[in-house]
Amino acid sequence: MSSPSAPHFAKVGSSVYPTIVAVFVGLLLISNIGAVKLIAFGPLITDGGAFLFPLVYIVGDVLAEVYGWKAARRAILIGFAMAILAAVTFYLVQISPPADGWENQAAFEAVLGFVPRIVLASILGFLVGQLLNAYVLVWIKKRTQEKKLWARLMGSTVVGEFADTVVFCTVAFYGVITGGDFLTYVIVGFVYKTAVEIILLPVTYRVIAYVKRREPTYELDLAA
């Protein structure tokens, strides 16, 4: 019988974990590209990453809940490394001489050009937010075991998304967006991303339950 201080986690040596990590990294890279565009819905200002980035946290929740801190941290570091690789690749493409007749250099630089502040903000926000998200979720799980999944999902989301949003907005746009607009940008980004995760809690519940059923080591642990 497991002690209260030893929550259930599946082993990572399965076919499901790599698939989840691949989805996690893919969502991150797509969101980072979308984040280069600022979007205004009336007085509300956000960025293009808002469409998919909340899903990065949902998948991160699945990793931490099912596989534990070390496995989630591994996935986060892989995503961090791939984000850096993507930034370096786009930069090398940007500075490479365009072929004769190719007239889209300015457009490429405008959309995918290497903007140090955006790149730094994105990777730092992701790293800090995701590590806190995973750590808080596992910390709460040690105290709740299989009960109160909603508490660890919401608690980790609030901490992780707040840290991510503050770091990203400050590094990327402080001084570019000023005064009340900057505060609005931070608040809207945090509230929106957190609200999306809360709205999608039923989906997250089902995904976590599905992954747990697919992981024999998790089921065996529960049966012990």
C-alpha atoms as a PDB file:
ATOM      1  CA  MET A   1       0.000   0.000   0.000  1.00  0.00           C
ATOM      2  CA  SER A   2       1.415   3.391  -0.990  1.00  0.00           C
ATOM      3  CA  SER A   3       2.095   5.910   1.773  1.00  0.00           C
ATOM      4  CA  PRO A   4       0.314   9.300   1.693  1.00  0.00           C
ATOM      5  CA  SER A   5       3.597  10.943   0.711  1.00  0.00           C
ATOM      6  CA  ALA A   6       4.055   8.757  -2.376  1.00  0.00           C
ATOM      7  CA  PRO A   7       1.552   9.741  -5.083  1.00  0.00           C
ATOM      8  CA  HIS A   8       0.993   7.579  -8.148  1.00  0.00           C
ATOM      9  CA  PHE A   9       2.985   8.293 -11.302  1.00  0.00           C
ATOM     10  CA  ALA A  10       3.502   6.255 -14.464  1.00  0.00           C
ATOM     11  CA  LYS A  11       6.902   5.321 -15.818  1.00  0.00           C
ATOM     12  CA  VAL A  12       7.993   7.186 -18.950  1.00  0.00           C
ATOM     13  CA  GLY A  13       9.155   4.124 -20.880  1.00  0.00           C
ATOM     14  CA  SER A  14       5.962   3.797 -22.866  1.00  0.00           C
ATOM     15  CA  SER A  15       4.538   4.803 -26.238  1.00  0.00           C
ATOM     16  CA  VAL A  16       2.214   7.420 -24.744  1.00  0.00           C
ATOM     17  CA  TYR A  17       4.772   9.709 -23.086  1.00  0.00           C
ATOM     18  CA  PRO A  18       6.779  10.499 -26.259  1.00  0.00           C
ATOM     19  CA  THR A  19       3.549  11.308 -28.111  1.00  0.00           C
ATOM     20  CA  ILE A  20       2.442  13.740 -25.422  1.00  0.00           C
ATOM     21  CA  VAL A  21       5.879  15.390 -25.410  1.00  0.00           C
ATOM     22  CA  ALA A  22       5.711  15.779 -29.202  1.00  0.00           C
ATOM     23  CA  VAL A  23       2.304  17.493 -28.945  1.00  0.00           C
ATOM     24  CA  PHE A  24       3.606  19.656 -26.108  1.00  0.00           C
ATOM     25  CA  VAL A  25       6.605  20.873 -28.120  1.00  0.00           C
ATOM     26  CA  GLY A  26       4.552  21.366 -31.297  1.00  0.00           C
ATOM     27  CA  LEU A  27       1.989  23.548 -29.520  1.00  0.00           C
ATOM     28  CA  LEU A  28       4.790  25.578 -27.971  1.00  0.00           C
ATOM     29  CA  LEU A  29       6.534  26.284 -31.288  1.00  0.00           C
ATOM     30  CA  ILE A  30       3.304  27.223 -33.087  1.00  0.00           C
ATOM     31  CA  SER A  31       2.308  29.520 -30.217  1.00  0.00           C
ATOM     32  CA  ASN A  32       5.696  31.227 -30.210  1.00  0.00           C
ATOM     33  CA  ILE A  33       5.374  32.064 -33.897  1.00  0.00           C
ATOM     34  CA  GLY A  34       1.851  33.388 -33.392  1.00  0.00           C
ATOM     35  CA  ALA A  35       2.969  35.520 -30.448  1.00  0.00           C
ATOM     36  CA  VAL A  36       4.913  37.923 -32.690  1.00  0.00           C
ATOM     37  CA  LYS A  37       1.632  39.617 -33.656  1.00  0.00           C
ATOM     38  CA  LEU A  38      -0.184  41.888 -31.218  1.00  0.00           C
ATOM     39  CA  ILE A  39      -3.957  41.618 -31.485  1.00  0.00           C
ATOM     40  CA  ALA A  40      -6.548  44.156 -30.323  1.00  0.00           C
ATOM     41  CA  PHE A  41     -10.124  43.120 -29.598  1.00  0.00           C
ATOM     42  CA  GLY A  42     -11.545  46.563 -28.980  1.00  0.00           C
ATOM     43  CA  PRO A  43      -9.692  47.946 -25.928  1.00  0.00           C
ATOM     44  CA  LEU A  44      -8.242  44.525 -25.087  1.00  0.00           C
ATOM     45  CA  ILE A  45      -4.696  43.833 -26.260  1.00  0.00           C
ATOM     46  CA  THR A  46      -3.161  40.381 -26.465  1.00  0.00           C
ATOM     47  CA  ASP A  47      -0.915  38.449 -28.844  1.00  0.00           C
ATOM     48  CA  GLY A  48      -1.415  35.662 -31.353  1.00  0.00           C
ATOM     49  CA  GLY A  49      -0.027  33.086 -28.971  1.00  0.00           C
ATOM     50  CA  ALA A  50      -3.230  33.353 -26.949  1.00  0.00           C
ATOM     51  CA  PHE A  51      -5.029  30.997 -29.329  1.00  0.00           C
ATOM     52  CA  LEU A  52      -2.954  27.916 -28.599  1.00  0.00           C
ATOM     53  CA  PHE A  53      -0.678  28.685 -25.667  1.00  0.00           C
ATOM     54  CA  PRO A  54      -3.244  27.712 -22.992  1.00  0.00           C
ATOM     55  CA  LEU A  55      -3.187  24.229 -24.510  1.00  0.00           C
ATOM     56  CA  VAL A  56       0.554  24.052 -23.775  1.00  0.00           C
ATOM     57  CA  TYR A  57      -0.296  24.334 -20.089  1.00  0.00           C
ATOM     58  CA  ILE A  58      -3.055  21.752 -20.361  1.00  0.00           C
ATOM     59  CA  VAL A  59      -0.644  19.235 -21.896  1.00  0.00           C
ATOM     60  CA  GLY A  60       1.906  20.244 -19.270  1.00  0.00           C
ATOM     61  CA  ASP A  61      -0.684  19.423 -16.607  1.00  0.00           C
ATOM     62  CA  VAL A  62      -1.152  15.979 -18.126  1.00  0.00           C
ATOM     63  CA  LEU A  63       2.596  15.347 -18.055  1.00  0.00           C
ATOM     64  CA  ALA A  64       2.971  16.426 -14.426  1.00  0.00           C
ATOM     65  CA  GLU A  65      -0.173  14.644 -13.195  1.00  0.00           C
ATOM     66  CA  VAL A  66       0.520  11.315 -14.895  1.00  0.00           C
ATOM     67  CA  TYR A  67       4.325  11.134 -15.015  1.00  0.00           C
ATOM     68  CA  GLY A  68       5.532  13.346 -12.168  1.00  0.00           C
ATOM     69  CA  TRP A  69       7.987  16.199 -11.703  1.00  0.00           C
ATOM     70  CA  LYS A  70      11.093  14.700 -13.317  1.00  0.00           C
ATOM     71  CA  ALA A  71       9.278  13.557 -16.463  1.00  0.00           C
ATOM     72  CA  ALA A  72       7.458  16.894 -16.803  1.00  0.00           C
ATOM     73  CA  ARG A  73      10.719  18.778 -16.300  1.00  0.00           C
ATOM     74  CA  ARG A  74      12.343  16.678 -19.040  1.00  0.00           C
ATOM     75  CA  ALA A  75       9.566  17.604 -21.476  1.00  0.00           C
ATOM     76  CA  ILE A  76       9.823  21.282 -20.507  1.00  0.00           C
ATOM     77  CA  LEU A  77      13.575  21.317 -21.114  1.00  0.00           C
ATOM     78  CA  ILE A  78      13.077  19.609 -24.482  1.00  0.00           C
ATOM     79  CA  GLY A  79      10.544  22.292 -25.425  1.00  0.00           C
ATOM     80  CA  PHE A  80      12.934  24.979 -24.191  1.00  0.00           C
ATOM     81  CA  ALA A  81      15.756  23.561 -26.334  1.00  0.00           C
ATOM     82  CA  MET A  82      13.520  23.302 -29.416  1.00  0.00           C
ATOM     83  CA  ALA A  83      12.348  26.892 -28.959  1.00  0.00           C
ATOM     84  CA  ILE A  84      15.967  28.048 -28.927  1.00  0.00           C
ATOM     85  CA  LEU A  85      16.729  25.907 -31.994  1.00  0.00           C
ATOM     86  CA  ALA A  86      13.747  27.409 -33.838  1.00  0.00           C
ATOM     87  CA  ALA A  87      14.870  30.944 -32.990  1.00  0.00           C
ATOM     88  CA  VAL A  88      18.432  30.280 -34.144  1.00  0.00           C
ATOM     89  CA  THR A  89      17.184  28.637 -37.350  1.00  0.00           C
ATOM     90  CA  PHE A  90      14.906  31.563 -38.201  1.00  0.00           C
ATOM     91  CA  TYR A  91      17.782  33.943 -37.536  1.00  0.00           C
ATOM     92  CA  LEU A  92      20.134  32.034 -39.845  1.00  0.00           C
ATOM     93  CA  VAL A  93      17.459  31.982 -42.551  1.00  0.00           C
ATOM     94  CA  GLN A  94      16.887  35.708 -42.040  1.00  0.00           C
ATOM     95  CA  ILE A  95      20.530  36.687 -42.506  1.00  0.00           C
ATOM     96  CA  SER A  96      21.120  34.315 -45.435  1.00  0.00           C
ATOM     97  CA  PRO A  97      21.197  36.158 -48.795  1.00  0.00           C
ATOM     98  CA  PRO A  98      17.885  35.858 -50.635  1.00  0.00           C
ATOM     99  CA  ALA A  99      17.806  34.221 -54.061  1.00  0.00           C
ATOM    100  CA  ASP A 100      17.460  36.384 -57.144  1.00  0.00           C
ATOM    101  CA  GLY A 101      13.824  37.147 -57.818  1.00  0.00           C
ATOM    102  CA  TRP A 102      12.691  36.380 -54.255  1.00  0.00           C
ATOM    103  CA  GLU A 103      11.105  39.596 -53.060  1.00  0.00           C
ATOM    104  CA  ASN A 104       9.768  38.591 -49.659  1.00  0.00           C
ATOM    105  CA  GLN A 105      12.776  39.299 -47.457  1.00  0.00           C
ATOM    106  CA  ALA A 106      11.107  42.219 -45.705  1.00  0.00           C
ATOM    107  CA  ALA A 107       7.932  40.208 -45.134  1.00  0.00           C
ATOM    108  CA  PHE A 108       9.928  37.292 -43.735  1.00  0.00           C
ATOM    109  CA  GLU A 109      11.810  39.564 -41.354  1.00  0.00           C
ATOM    110  CA  ALA A 110       8.585  41.256 -40.269  1.00  0.00           C
ATOM    111  CA  VAL A 111       6.938  37.946 -39.309  1.00  0.00           C
ATOM    112  CA  LEU A 112       9.717  35.485 -38.456  1.00  0.00           C
ATOM    113  CA  GLY A 113      12.673  37.804 -38.109  1.00  0.00           C
ATOM    114  CA  PHE A 114      14.891  37.392 -35.081  1.00  0.00           C
ATOM    115  CA  VAL A 115      13.635  39.856 -32.479  1.00  0.00           C
ATOM    116  CA  PRO A 116      15.846  39.320 -29.417  1.00  0.00           C
ATOM    117  CA  ARG A 117      13.329  40.651 -26.901  1.00  0.00           C
ATOM    118  CA  ILE A 118      10.490  38.484 -28.196  1.00  0.00           C
ATOM    119  CA  VAL A 119      12.640  35.364 -28.332  1.00  0.00           C
ATOM    120  CA  LEU A 120      14.086  35.929 -24.876  1.00  0.00           C
ATOM    121  CA  ALA A 121      10.663  36.741 -23.433  1.00  0.00           C
ATOM    122  CA  SER A 122       9.081  33.668 -24.960  1.00  0.00           C
ATOM    123  CA  ILE A 123      11.644  31.140 -23.815  1.00  0.00           C
ATOM    124  CA  LEU A 124      12.056  32.652 -20.341  1.00  0.00           C
ATOM    125  CA  GLY A 125       8.310  32.925 -19.787  1.00  0.00           C
ATOM    126  CA  PHE A 126       7.787  29.354 -20.935  1.00  0.00           C
ATOM    127  CA  LEU A 127      10.604  27.978 -18.784  1.00  0.00           C
ATOM    128  CA  VAL A 128       9.627  29.791 -15.587  1.00  0.00           C
ATOM    129  CA  GLY A 129       5.885  29.301 -16.008  1.00  0.00           C
ATOM    130  CA  GLN A 130       5.996  25.636 -16.954  1.00  0.00           C
ATOM    131  CA  LEU A 131       8.453  24.646 -14.241  1.00  0.00           C
ATOM    132  CA  LEU A 132       6.315  26.374 -11.621  1.00  0.00           C
ATOM    133  CA  ASN A 133       3.157  24.848 -13.083  1.00  0.00           C
ATOM    134  CA  ALA A 134       4.569  21.310 -12.884  1.00  0.00           C
ATOM    135  CA  TYR A 135       6.139  21.803  -9.470  1.00  0.00           C
ATOM    136  CA  VAL A 136       2.967  23.203  -7.889  1.00  0.00           C
ATOM    137  CA  LEU A 137       0.793  20.450  -9.399  1.00  0.00           C
ATOM    138  CA  VAL A 138       3.041  17.673  -8.089  1.00  0.00           C
ATOM    139  CA  TRP A 139       3.369  19.427  -4.717  1.00  0.00           C
ATOM    140  CA  ILE A 140      -0.426  19.532  -4.336  1.00  0.00           C
ATOM    141  CA  LYS A 141      -0.755  15.932  -5.532  1.00  0.00           C
ATOM    142  CA  LYS A 142       1.553  14.738  -2.755  1.00  0.00           C
ATOM    143  CA  ARG A 143      -1.056  16.087  -0.342  1.00  0.00           C
ATOM    144  CA  THR A 144      -4.230  15.081  -2.180  1.00  0.00           C
ATOM    145  CA  GLN A 145      -3.201  11.826  -3.925  1.00  0.00           C
ATOM    146  CA  GLU A 146      -5.883  10.968  -6.514  1.00  0.00           C
ATOM    147  CA  LYS A 147      -8.434  13.289  -4.935  1.00  0.00           C
ATOM    148  CA  LYS A 148      -9.164  16.946  -5.764  1.00  0.00           C
ATOM    149  CA  LEU A 149      -7.678  16.947  -9.253  1.00  0.00           C
ATOM    150  CA  TRP A 150      -9.437  20.265  -9.850  1.00  0.00           C
ATOM    151  CA  ALA A 151      -7.452  21.858  -7.007  1.00  0.00           C
ATOM    152  CA  ARG A 152      -4.050  20.944  -8.404  1.00  0.00           C
ATOM    153  CA  LEU A 153      -5.032  21.822 -11.963  1.00  0.00           C
ATOM    154  CA  MET A 154      -6.369  25.239 -11.006  1.00  0.00           C
ATOM    155  CA  GLY A 155      -3.679  25.963  -8.430  1.00  0.00           C
ATOM    156  CA  SER A 156      -0.845  25.131 -10.789  1.00  0.00           C
ATOM    157  CA  THR A 157      -2.496  27.046 -13.620  1.00  0.00           C
ATOM    158  CA  VAL A 158      -2.845  30.265 -11.622  1.00  0.00           C
ATOM    159  CA  VAL A 159       0.790  30.175 -10.472  1.00  0.00           C
ATOM    160  CA  GLY A 160       2.274  29.069 -13.794  1.00  0.00           C
ATOM    161  CA  GLU A 161       0.240  31.315 -16.066  1.00  0.00           C
ATOM    162  CA  PHE A 162       0.798  34.351 -13.845  1.00  0.00           C
ATOM    163  CA  ALA A 163       4.570  33.863 -13.838  1.00  0.00           C
ATOM    164  CA  ASP A 164       4.652  33.154 -17.577  1.00  0.00           C
ATOM    165  CA  THR A 165       2.524  36.180 -18.470  1.00  0.00           C
ATOM    166  CA  VAL A 166       4.439  38.617 -16.270  1.00  0.00           C
ATOM    167  CA  VAL A 167       7.836  37.433 -17.519  1.00  0.00           C
ATOM    168  CA  PHE A 168       6.822  37.412 -21.189  1.00  0.00           C
ATOM    169  CA  CYS A 169       5.013  40.747 -21.183  1.00  0.00           C
ATOM    170  CA  THR A 170       7.746  42.505 -19.211  1.00  0.00           C
ATOM    171  CA  VAL A 171      10.680  41.238 -21.253  1.00  0.00           C
ATOM    172  CA  ALA A 172       8.926  41.505 -24.635  1.00  0.00           C
ATOM    173  CA  PHE A 173       6.864  44.663 -24.463  1.00  0.00           C
ATOM    174  CA  TYR A 174       7.740  46.768 -21.418  1.00  0.00           C
ATOM    175  CA  GLY A 175       8.459  50.217 -22.805  1.00  0.00           C
ATOM    176  CA  VAL A 176       6.822  49.335 -26.127  1.00  0.00           C
ATOM    177  CA  ILE A 177       3.400  49.125 -24.539  1.00  0.00           C
ATOM    178  CA  THR A 178       3.272  51.743 -21.788  1.00  0.00           C
ATOM    179  CA  GLY A 179       1.171  52.872 -18.854  1.00  0.00           C
ATOM    180  CA  GLY A 180      -2.320  51.478 -18.511  1.00  0.00           C
ATOM    181  CA  ASP A 181      -2.056  49.644 -21.826  1.00  0.00           C
ATOM    182  CA  PHE A 182       0.802  47.536 -20.474  1.00  0.00           C
ATOM    183  CA  LEU A 183      -1.117  46.675 -17.310  1.00  0.00           C
ATOM    184  CA  THR A 184      -4.155  45.808 -19.420  1.00  0.00           C
ATOM    185  CA  TYR A 185      -1.988  43.618 -21.650  1.00  0.00           C
ATOM    186  CA  VAL A 186      -0.668  41.664 -18.654  1.00  0.00           C
ATOM    187  CA  ILE A 187      -4.053  41.296 -16.972  1.00  0.00           C
ATOM    188  CA  VAL A 188      -5.890  40.324 -20.147  1.00  0.00           C
ATOM    189  CA  GLY A 189      -3.225  37.773 -21.059  1.00  0.00           C
ATOM    190  CA  PHE A 190      -3.283  36.179 -17.610  1.00  0.00           C
ATOM    191  CA  VAL A 191      -7.066  36.191 -17.218  1.00  0.00           C
ATOM    192  CA  TYR A 192      -7.675  34.902 -20.731  1.00  0.00           C
ATOM    193  CA  LYS A 193      -5.186  32.023 -20.541  1.00  0.00           C
ATOM    194  CA  THR A 194      -6.334  31.032 -17.071  1.00  0.00           C
ATOM    195  CA  ALA A 195     -10.004  31.240 -18.050  1.00  0.00           C
ATOM    196  CA  VAL A 196      -9.436  29.021 -21.075  1.00  0.00           C
ATOM    197  CA  GLU A 197      -7.824  26.361 -18.903  1.00  0.00           C
ATOM    198  CA  ILE A 198     -10.657  26.537 -16.382  1.00  0.00           C
ATOM    199  CA  ILE A 199     -13.267  26.268 -19.141  1.00  0.00           C
ATOM    200  CA  LEU A 200     -11.418  23.287 -20.567  1.00  0.00           C
ATOM    201  CA  LEU A 201     -11.133  21.505 -17.205  1.00  0.00           C
ATOM    202  CA  PRO A 202     -13.671  18.830 -18.256  1.00  0.00           C
ATOM    203  CA  VAL A 203     -11.530  18.117 -21.324  1.00  0.00           C
ATOM    204  CA  THR A 204      -8.357  18.019 -19.226  1.00  0.00           C
ATOM    205  CA  TYR A 205     -10.045  15.591 -16.820  1.00  0.00           C
ATOM    206  CA  ARG A 206     -10.934  13.253 -19.667  1.00  0.00           C
ATOM    207  CA  VAL A 207      -7.489  13.431 -21.258  1.00  0.00           C
ATOM    208  CA  ILE A 208      -5.782  12.695 -17.952  1.00  0.00           C
ATOM    209  CA  ALA A 209      -8.135   9.781 -17.277  1.00  0.00           C
ATOM    210  CA  TYR A 210      -7.508   8.420 -20.773  1.00  0.00           C
ATOM    211  CA  VAL A 211      -3.732   8.638 -20.444  1.00  0.00           C
ATOM    212  CA  LYS A 212      -3.829   7.003 -17.012  1.00  0.00           C
ATOM    213  CA  ARG A 213      -5.833   4.107 -18.464  1.00  0.00           C
ATOM    214  CA  ARG A 214      -3.334   3.770 -21.300  1.00  0.00           C
ATOM    215  CA  GLU A 215      -0.383   3.583 -18.922  1.00  0.00           C
ATOM    216  CA  PRO A 216      -0.047   0.041 -17.510  1.00  0.00           C
ATOM    217  CA  THR A 217       2.455   1.153 -14.864  1.00  0.00           C
ATOM    218  CA  TYR A 218      -0.021   3.706 -13.512  1.00  0.00           C
ATOM    219  CA  GLU A 219      -2.824   1.149 -13.348  1.00  0.00           C
ATOM    220  CA  LEU A 220      -0.583  -1.426 -11.678  1.00  0.00           C
ATOM    221  CA  ASP A 221       0.474   1.145  -9.121  1.00  0.00           C
ATOM    222  CA  LEU A 222      -3.137   1.966  -8.326  1.00  0.00           C
ATOM    223  CA  ALA A 223      -3.905  -1.717  -7.901  1.00  0.00           C
ATOM    224  CA  ALA A 224      -1.029  -2.277  -5.468  1.00  0.00           C
END
